[in-house]
Amino acid sequence: MKEEKLPFALIAIDLCLLKIINNELCVFLTDVNKDSLYQGLKCLPGGLVRLDESAEDTLKRIIVQKGLLKMDKIYTEQLYTFSDIKRDKRGRVVSCAFLGLYSGLSEEGFIPIGKIKKLAYDHSLILKTGLERLKTKIEYTTIIKKLFSNNFTFSELQKVYEIILGKEIDKRNFRKKIDSLNILEETKDKRKEGRMRPASLYKFKTKNIETLNILG
């Protein structure tokens, strides 16, 4: 008896990698390769899962192959599974997408989100979903620490929250709330900000992401 062939969909891994550059939220994009259906468009870095790989293995391979910066500077977590039948014009491909935050110094490949009009495949939807996830999580976790490469002032911390949320935050209430959570520690360094006296620099007490009521 001839064994029946099972017509399954392919599985892809796509990475929505975000970084703050010059007070703008940016995403890492790459060019579409060897695909006339999407020529001229940018896309999120991604690739198909091999038979001997887990989703996480494929993600690591993509980061290395695409030249996506240093692994130790990238935080990732699974975002969502995108399975719309027509999401890829080339065939039946299901995407297991990851959200990533980059704290390294390199800016190459990152594009301000406000300048993006359209992405290949359904990557505009993946990007939108990634932004929504980040906006939600910074309100109840300390995930925002994964965007900082160095120590920071209170003003810089508040600014990153405002950039992601797309709105201003009351300075006094923000300072009071962060102080009450006891998640930061003051370093011995200071930074000059304009004409104001040098501001103290801070860092998060732990590298782990904590679940807390940050902005509530």
C-alpha atoms as a PDB file:
ATOM      1  CA  MET A   1       0.000   0.000   0.000  1.00  0.00           C
ATOM      2  CA  LYS A   2       1.412   3.338  -1.050  1.00  0.00           C
ATOM      3  CA  GLU A   3       1.897   5.776   1.786  1.00  0.00           C
ATOM      4  CA  GLU A   4      -0.314   8.872   1.552  1.00  0.00           C
ATOM      5  CA  LYS A   5       1.497  12.184   1.170  1.00  0.00           C
ATOM      6  CA  LEU A   6       0.489  14.764   3.737  1.00  0.00           C
ATOM      7  CA  PRO A   7       0.056  18.268   2.226  1.00  0.00           C
ATOM      8  CA  PHE A   8       1.111  20.462   5.128  1.00  0.00           C
ATOM      9  CA  ALA A   9       1.851  24.172   5.147  1.00  0.00           C
ATOM     10  CA  LEU A  10       5.407  25.442   5.492  1.00  0.00           C
ATOM     11  CA  ILE A  11       6.387  27.186   8.737  1.00  0.00           C
ATOM     12  CA  ALA A  12       8.346  30.412   8.721  1.00  0.00           C
ATOM     13  CA  ILE A  13       9.945  32.441  11.506  1.00  0.00           C
ATOM     14  CA  ASP A  14       9.750  36.247  11.262  1.00  0.00           C
ATOM     15  CA  LEU A  15      11.392  38.726  13.647  1.00  0.00           C
ATOM     16  CA  CYS A  16      10.009  42.142  14.553  1.00  0.00           C
ATOM     17  CA  LEU A  17      13.197  43.701  15.981  1.00  0.00           C
ATOM     18  CA  LEU A  18      12.782  47.156  17.536  1.00  0.00           C
ATOM     19  CA  LYS A  19      15.241  49.819  18.720  1.00  0.00           C
ATOM     20  CA  ILE A  20      15.142  53.481  19.792  1.00  0.00           C
ATOM     21  CA  ILE A  21      17.334  55.720  17.600  1.00  0.00           C
ATOM     22  CA  ASN A  22      17.403  59.525  17.884  1.00  0.00           C
ATOM     23  CA  ASN A  23      14.145  59.552  19.843  1.00  0.00           C
ATOM     24  CA  GLU A  24      12.352  57.435  17.220  1.00  0.00           C
ATOM     25  CA  LEU A  25      11.132  53.864  17.445  1.00  0.00           C
ATOM     26  CA  CYS A  26      12.740  51.911  14.605  1.00  0.00           C
ATOM     27  CA  VAL A  27      12.435  48.393  13.185  1.00  0.00           C
ATOM     28  CA  PHE A  28      15.074  46.266  11.456  1.00  0.00           C
ATOM     29  CA  LEU A  29      14.135  45.609   7.817  1.00  0.00           C
ATOM     30  CA  THR A  30      15.762  43.750   4.952  1.00  0.00           C
ATOM     31  CA  ASP A  31      15.212  43.501   1.199  1.00  0.00           C
ATOM     32  CA  VAL A  32      13.051  40.808  -0.354  1.00  0.00           C
ATOM     33  CA  ASN A  33      15.337  38.239  -1.972  1.00  0.00           C
ATOM     34  CA  LYS A  34      14.678  36.461  -5.293  1.00  0.00           C
ATOM     35  CA  ASP A  35      10.942  37.028  -5.193  1.00  0.00           C
ATOM     36  CA  SER A  36       9.429  38.992  -8.085  1.00  0.00           C
ATOM     37  CA  LEU A  37       6.017  39.106  -6.402  1.00  0.00           C
ATOM     38  CA  TYR A  38       7.332  41.452  -3.716  1.00  0.00           C
ATOM     39  CA  GLN A  39      10.197  43.219  -5.466  1.00  0.00           C
ATOM     40  CA  GLY A  40      10.751  46.800  -4.329  1.00  0.00           C
ATOM     41  CA  LEU A  41       9.391  46.186  -0.822  1.00  0.00           C
ATOM     42  CA  LYS A  42      11.152  45.755   2.488  1.00  0.00           C
ATOM     43  CA  CYS A  43      10.345  42.958   4.901  1.00  0.00           C
ATOM     44  CA  LEU A  44      11.086  41.747   8.401  1.00  0.00           C
ATOM     45  CA  PRO A  45      13.984  39.290   8.592  1.00  0.00           C
ATOM     46  CA  GLY A  46      12.741  35.712   8.403  1.00  0.00           C
ATOM     47  CA  GLY A  47      13.146  32.230   6.992  1.00  0.00           C
ATOM     48  CA  LEU A  48      11.634  28.746   6.827  1.00  0.00           C
ATOM     49  CA  VAL A  49      12.007  26.217   9.638  1.00  0.00           C
ATOM     50  CA  ARG A  50      14.250  23.304   8.663  1.00  0.00           C
ATOM     51  CA  LEU A  51      13.413  19.691   9.509  1.00  0.00           C
ATOM     52  CA  ASP A  52      16.090  19.541  12.205  1.00  0.00           C
ATOM     53  CA  GLU A  53      15.282  22.901  13.831  1.00  0.00           C
ATOM     54  CA  SER A  54      13.006  24.221  16.542  1.00  0.00           C
ATOM     55  CA  ALA A  55      11.458  27.675  16.125  1.00  0.00           C
ATOM     56  CA  GLU A  56      14.160  29.072  18.406  1.00  0.00           C
ATOM     57  CA  ASP A  57      16.917  27.375  16.393  1.00  0.00           C
ATOM     58  CA  THR A  58      15.592  28.942  13.197  1.00  0.00           C
ATOM     59  CA  LEU A  59      15.407  32.342  14.869  1.00  0.00           C
ATOM     60  CA  LYS A  60      19.070  32.127  15.920  1.00  0.00           C
ATOM     61  CA  ARG A  61      20.091  31.058  12.413  1.00  0.00           C
ATOM     62  CA  ILE A  62      18.186  33.976  10.882  1.00  0.00           C
ATOM     63  CA  ILE A  63      19.873  36.432  13.238  1.00  0.00           C
ATOM     64  CA  VAL A  64      23.296  35.092  12.242  1.00  0.00           C
ATOM     65  CA  GLN A  65      22.637  34.771   8.488  1.00  0.00           C
ATOM     66  CA  LYS A  66      21.002  38.182   8.155  1.00  0.00           C
ATOM     67  CA  GLY A  67      23.828  39.835  10.063  1.00  0.00           C
ATOM     68  CA  LEU A  68      21.436  40.930  12.777  1.00  0.00           C
ATOM     69  CA  LEU A  69      23.919  42.306  15.246  1.00  0.00           C
ATOM     70  CA  LYS A  70      25.110  40.650  18.449  1.00  0.00           C
ATOM     71  CA  MET A  71      22.978  37.896  19.946  1.00  0.00           C
ATOM     72  CA  ASP A  72      23.681  39.013  23.509  1.00  0.00           C
ATOM     73  CA  LYS A  73      22.162  42.417  22.706  1.00  0.00           C
ATOM     74  CA  ILE A  74      18.875  41.009  21.387  1.00  0.00           C
ATOM     75  CA  TYR A  75      15.948  40.060  23.616  1.00  0.00           C
ATOM     76  CA  THR A  76      13.262  37.936  21.940  1.00  0.00           C
ATOM     77  CA  GLU A  77       9.928  36.408  22.841  1.00  0.00           C
ATOM     78  CA  GLN A  78       7.257  34.678  20.781  1.00  0.00           C
ATOM     79  CA  LEU A  79       4.757  37.195  19.488  1.00  0.00           C
ATOM     80  CA  TYR A  80       1.934  35.500  17.584  1.00  0.00           C
ATOM     81  CA  THR A  81       1.180  32.899  14.910  1.00  0.00           C
ATOM     82  CA  PHE A  82       0.021  34.375  11.609  1.00  0.00           C
ATOM     83  CA  SER A  83      -1.860  31.775   9.571  1.00  0.00           C
ATOM     84  CA  ASP A  84      -4.067  33.615   7.083  1.00  0.00           C
ATOM     85  CA  ILE A  85      -4.295  31.404   4.005  1.00  0.00           C
ATOM     86  CA  LYS A  86      -3.358  34.220   1.618  1.00  0.00           C
ATOM     87  CA  ARG A  87      -0.626  35.834   3.738  1.00  0.00           C
ATOM     88  CA  ASP A  88       2.087  34.740   1.269  1.00  0.00           C
ATOM     89  CA  LYS A  89       1.432  34.864  -2.477  1.00  0.00           C
ATOM     90  CA  ARG A  90       4.057  32.199  -3.161  1.00  0.00           C
ATOM     91  CA  GLY A  91       2.311  29.397  -1.261  1.00  0.00           C
ATOM     92  CA  ARG A  92       0.877  28.174   2.033  1.00  0.00           C
ATOM     93  CA  VAL A  93       3.181  29.487   4.747  1.00  0.00           C
ATOM     94  CA  VAL A  94       2.361  29.943   8.421  1.00  0.00           C
ATOM     95  CA  SER A  95       4.505  32.440  10.320  1.00  0.00           C
ATOM     96  CA  CYS A  96       5.557  32.058  13.938  1.00  0.00           C
ATOM     97  CA  ALA A  97       6.578  35.638  14.668  1.00  0.00           C
ATOM     98  CA  PHE A  98       8.901  36.847  17.405  1.00  0.00           C
ATOM     99  CA  LEU A  99       9.170  40.268  19.029  1.00  0.00           C
ATOM    100  CA  GLY A 100      12.735  41.440  19.552  1.00  0.00           C
ATOM    101  CA  LEU A 101      14.308  44.405  21.350  1.00  0.00           C
ATOM    102  CA  TYR A 102      17.849  45.516  20.524  1.00  0.00           C
ATOM    103  CA  SER A 103      20.120  47.275  23.022  1.00  0.00           C
ATOM    104  CA  GLY A 104      23.313  47.343  20.973  1.00  0.00           C
ATOM    105  CA  LEU A 105      24.926  50.390  19.421  1.00  0.00           C
ATOM    106  CA  SER A 106      24.651  49.471  15.723  1.00  0.00           C
ATOM    107  CA  GLU A 107      21.963  51.371  13.797  1.00  0.00           C
ATOM    108  CA  GLU A 108      22.456  49.785  10.368  1.00  0.00           C
ATOM    109  CA  GLY A 109      19.296  48.235   8.927  1.00  0.00           C
ATOM    110  CA  PHE A 110      16.933  50.046  11.299  1.00  0.00           C
ATOM    111  CA  ILE A 111      14.253  52.293   9.776  1.00  0.00           C
ATOM    112  CA  PRO A 112      11.975  54.710  11.700  1.00  0.00           C
ATOM    113  CA  ILE A 113       8.518  53.172  11.859  1.00  0.00           C
ATOM    114  CA  GLY A 114       6.905  56.483  10.948  1.00  0.00           C
ATOM    115  CA  LYS A 115       8.614  56.360   7.541  1.00  0.00           C
ATOM    116  CA  ILE A 116       7.347  52.883   6.611  1.00  0.00           C
ATOM    117  CA  LYS A 117       4.428  52.757   4.155  1.00  0.00           C
ATOM    118  CA  LYS A 118       4.096  49.112   3.169  1.00  0.00           C
ATOM    119  CA  LEU A 119       5.958  45.867   3.812  1.00  0.00           C
ATOM    120  CA  ALA A 120       6.016  42.598   1.885  1.00  0.00           C
ATOM    121  CA  TYR A 121       3.798  39.630   2.820  1.00  0.00           C
ATOM    122  CA  ASP A 122       1.741  40.446   5.924  1.00  0.00           C
ATOM    123  CA  HIS A 123       4.703  42.003   7.678  1.00  0.00           C
ATOM    124  CA  SER A 124       2.881  45.307   8.190  1.00  0.00           C
ATOM    125  CA  LEU A 125       0.419  43.347  10.357  1.00  0.00           C
ATOM    126  CA  ILE A 126       3.236  41.595  12.203  1.00  0.00           C
ATOM    127  CA  LEU A 127       4.869  44.962  12.889  1.00  0.00           C
ATOM    128  CA  LYS A 128       1.569  46.415  14.116  1.00  0.00           C
ATOM    129  CA  THR A 129       1.066  43.436  16.413  1.00  0.00           C
ATOM    130  CA  GLY A 130       4.609  43.766  17.746  1.00  0.00           C
ATOM    131  CA  LEU A 131       4.078  47.434  18.554  1.00  0.00           C
ATOM    132  CA  GLU A 132       0.826  46.678  20.336  1.00  0.00           C
ATOM    133  CA  ARG A 133       2.528  43.962  22.386  1.00  0.00           C
ATOM    134  CA  LEU A 134       5.348  46.308  23.409  1.00  0.00           C
ATOM    135  CA  LYS A 135       2.949  49.131  24.321  1.00  0.00           C
ATOM    136  CA  THR A 136       0.995  46.768  26.532  1.00  0.00           C
ATOM    137  CA  LYS A 137       3.960  45.105  28.220  1.00  0.00           C
ATOM    138  CA  ILE A 138       5.780  48.297  29.206  1.00  0.00           C
ATOM    139  CA  GLU A 139       2.772  49.142  31.378  1.00  0.00           C
ATOM    140  CA  TYR A 140       3.006  46.016  33.531  1.00  0.00           C
ATOM    141  CA  THR A 141       6.580  44.722  33.141  1.00  0.00           C
ATOM    142  CA  THR A 142      10.126  46.076  33.057  1.00  0.00           C
ATOM    143  CA  ILE A 143      10.667  44.868  29.468  1.00  0.00           C
ATOM    144  CA  ILE A 144      11.698  48.411  28.531  1.00  0.00           C
ATOM    145  CA  LYS A 145      15.130  47.707  30.088  1.00  0.00           C
ATOM    146  CA  LYS A 146      15.942  45.591  27.008  1.00  0.00           C
ATOM    147  CA  LEU A 147      16.105  48.779  24.896  1.00  0.00           C
ATOM    148  CA  PHE A 148      18.875  50.423  26.947  1.00  0.00           C
ATOM    149  CA  SER A 149      22.532  49.849  26.112  1.00  0.00           C
ATOM    150  CA  ASN A 150      23.932  52.154  28.797  1.00  0.00           C
ATOM    151  CA  ASN A 151      22.948  53.861  32.025  1.00  0.00           C
ATOM    152  CA  PHE A 152      20.306  56.567  31.656  1.00  0.00           C
ATOM    153  CA  THR A 153      18.808  59.635  33.290  1.00  0.00           C
ATOM    154  CA  PHE A 154      15.247  59.726  34.557  1.00  0.00           C
ATOM    155  CA  SER A 155      14.374  62.038  31.682  1.00  0.00           C
ATOM    156  CA  GLU A 156      15.751  59.559  29.145  1.00  0.00           C
ATOM    157  CA  LEU A 157      13.774  56.718  30.698  1.00  0.00           C
ATOM    158  CA  GLN A 158      10.573  58.752  30.613  1.00  0.00           C
ATOM    159  CA  LYS A 159      11.241  59.744  26.988  1.00  0.00           C
ATOM    160  CA  VAL A 160      11.459  56.109  25.874  1.00  0.00           C
ATOM    161  CA  TYR A 161       8.109  55.388  27.531  1.00  0.00           C
ATOM    162  CA  GLU A 162       6.611  58.396  25.725  1.00  0.00           C
ATOM    163  CA  ILE A 163       8.056  57.350  22.350  1.00  0.00           C
ATOM    164  CA  ILE A 164       6.567  53.860  22.610  1.00  0.00           C
ATOM    165  CA  LEU A 165       3.201  54.975  23.967  1.00  0.00           C
ATOM    166  CA  GLY A 166       2.945  57.938  21.607  1.00  0.00           C
ATOM    167  CA  LYS A 167       1.926  60.370  24.338  1.00  0.00           C
ATOM    168  CA  GLU A 168       3.386  62.590  27.028  1.00  0.00           C
ATOM    169  CA  ILE A 169       3.641  61.458  30.635  1.00  0.00           C
ATOM    170  CA  ASP A 170       3.449  63.720  33.670  1.00  0.00           C
ATOM    171  CA  LYS A 171       7.018  64.063  34.881  1.00  0.00           C
ATOM    172  CA  ARG A 172       6.313  64.323  38.609  1.00  0.00           C
ATOM    173  CA  ASN A 173       3.904  61.379  38.707  1.00  0.00           C
ATOM    174  CA  PHE A 174       6.240  59.255  36.609  1.00  0.00           C
ATOM    175  CA  ARG A 175       9.191  59.922  38.920  1.00  0.00           C
ATOM    176  CA  LYS A 176       7.086  59.195  41.975  1.00  0.00           C
ATOM    177  CA  LYS A 177       5.807  55.920  40.557  1.00  0.00           C
ATOM    178  CA  ILE A 178       9.210  54.620  39.434  1.00  0.00           C
ATOM    179  CA  ASP A 179      10.758  55.548  42.787  1.00  0.00           C
ATOM    180  CA  SER A 180       8.029  53.644  44.631  1.00  0.00           C
ATOM    181  CA  LEU A 181       8.723  50.458  42.654  1.00  0.00           C
ATOM    182  CA  ASN A 182      12.383  50.357  43.735  1.00  0.00           C
ATOM    183  CA  ILE A 183      13.518  48.927  40.381  1.00  0.00           C
ATOM    184  CA  LEU A 184      16.354  51.392  39.693  1.00  0.00           C
ATOM    185  CA  GLU A 185      19.614  52.137  41.385  1.00  0.00           C
ATOM    186  CA  GLU A 186      21.614  55.331  41.077  1.00  0.00           C
ATOM    187  CA  THR A 187      25.138  55.047  39.709  1.00  0.00           C
ATOM    188  CA  LYS A 188      28.040  57.291  40.610  1.00  0.00           C
ATOM    189  CA  ASP A 189      28.023  58.922  37.169  1.00  0.00           C
ATOM    190  CA  LYS A 190      26.234  62.040  35.996  1.00  0.00           C
ATOM    191  CA  ARG A 191      25.415  63.539  32.588  1.00  0.00           C
ATOM    192  CA  LYS A 192      25.125  67.168  31.520  1.00  0.00           C
ATOM    193  CA  GLU A 193      21.751  67.950  29.929  1.00  0.00           C
ATOM    194  CA  GLY A 194      21.617  71.387  28.313  1.00  0.00           C
ATOM    195  CA  ARG A 195      21.920  74.266  30.761  1.00  0.00           C
ATOM    196  CA  MET A 196      20.656  72.221  33.669  1.00  0.00           C
ATOM    197  CA  ARG A 197      22.984  70.873  36.312  1.00  0.00           C
ATOM    198  CA  PRO A 198      24.373  67.383  35.628  1.00  0.00           C
ATOM    199  CA  ALA A 199      21.709  64.684  36.025  1.00  0.00           C
ATOM    200  CA  SER A 200      22.264  61.425  37.885  1.00  0.00           C
ATOM    201  CA  LEU A 201      22.490  58.228  35.852  1.00  0.00           C
ATOM    202  CA  TYR A 202      20.525  55.112  36.745  1.00  0.00           C
ATOM    203  CA  LYS A 203      20.354  51.440  35.832  1.00  0.00           C
ATOM    204  CA  PHE A 204      17.867  48.654  36.493  1.00  0.00           C
ATOM    205  CA  LYS A 205      18.695  46.585  39.558  1.00  0.00           C
ATOM    206  CA  THR A 206      18.215  43.259  37.783  1.00  0.00           C
ATOM    207  CA  LYS A 207      18.511  41.986  34.208  1.00  0.00           C
ATOM    208  CA  ASN A 208      15.364  39.903  34.580  1.00  0.00           C
ATOM    209  CA  ILE A 209      12.027  41.212  33.355  1.00  0.00           C
ATOM    210  CA  GLU A 210       9.761  41.775  36.354  1.00  0.00           C
ATOM    211  CA  THR A 211       5.976  41.908  36.363  1.00  0.00           C
ATOM    212  CA  LEU A 212       4.904  45.151  38.066  1.00  0.00           C
ATOM    213  CA  ASN A 213       2.257  47.825  37.772  1.00  0.00           C
ATOM    214  CA  ILE A 214       4.497  50.389  36.075  1.00  0.00           C
ATOM    215  CA  LEU A 215       2.100  53.005  34.749  1.00  0.00           C
ATOM    216  CA  GLY A 216      -1.115  52.138  36.535  1.00  0.00           C
END
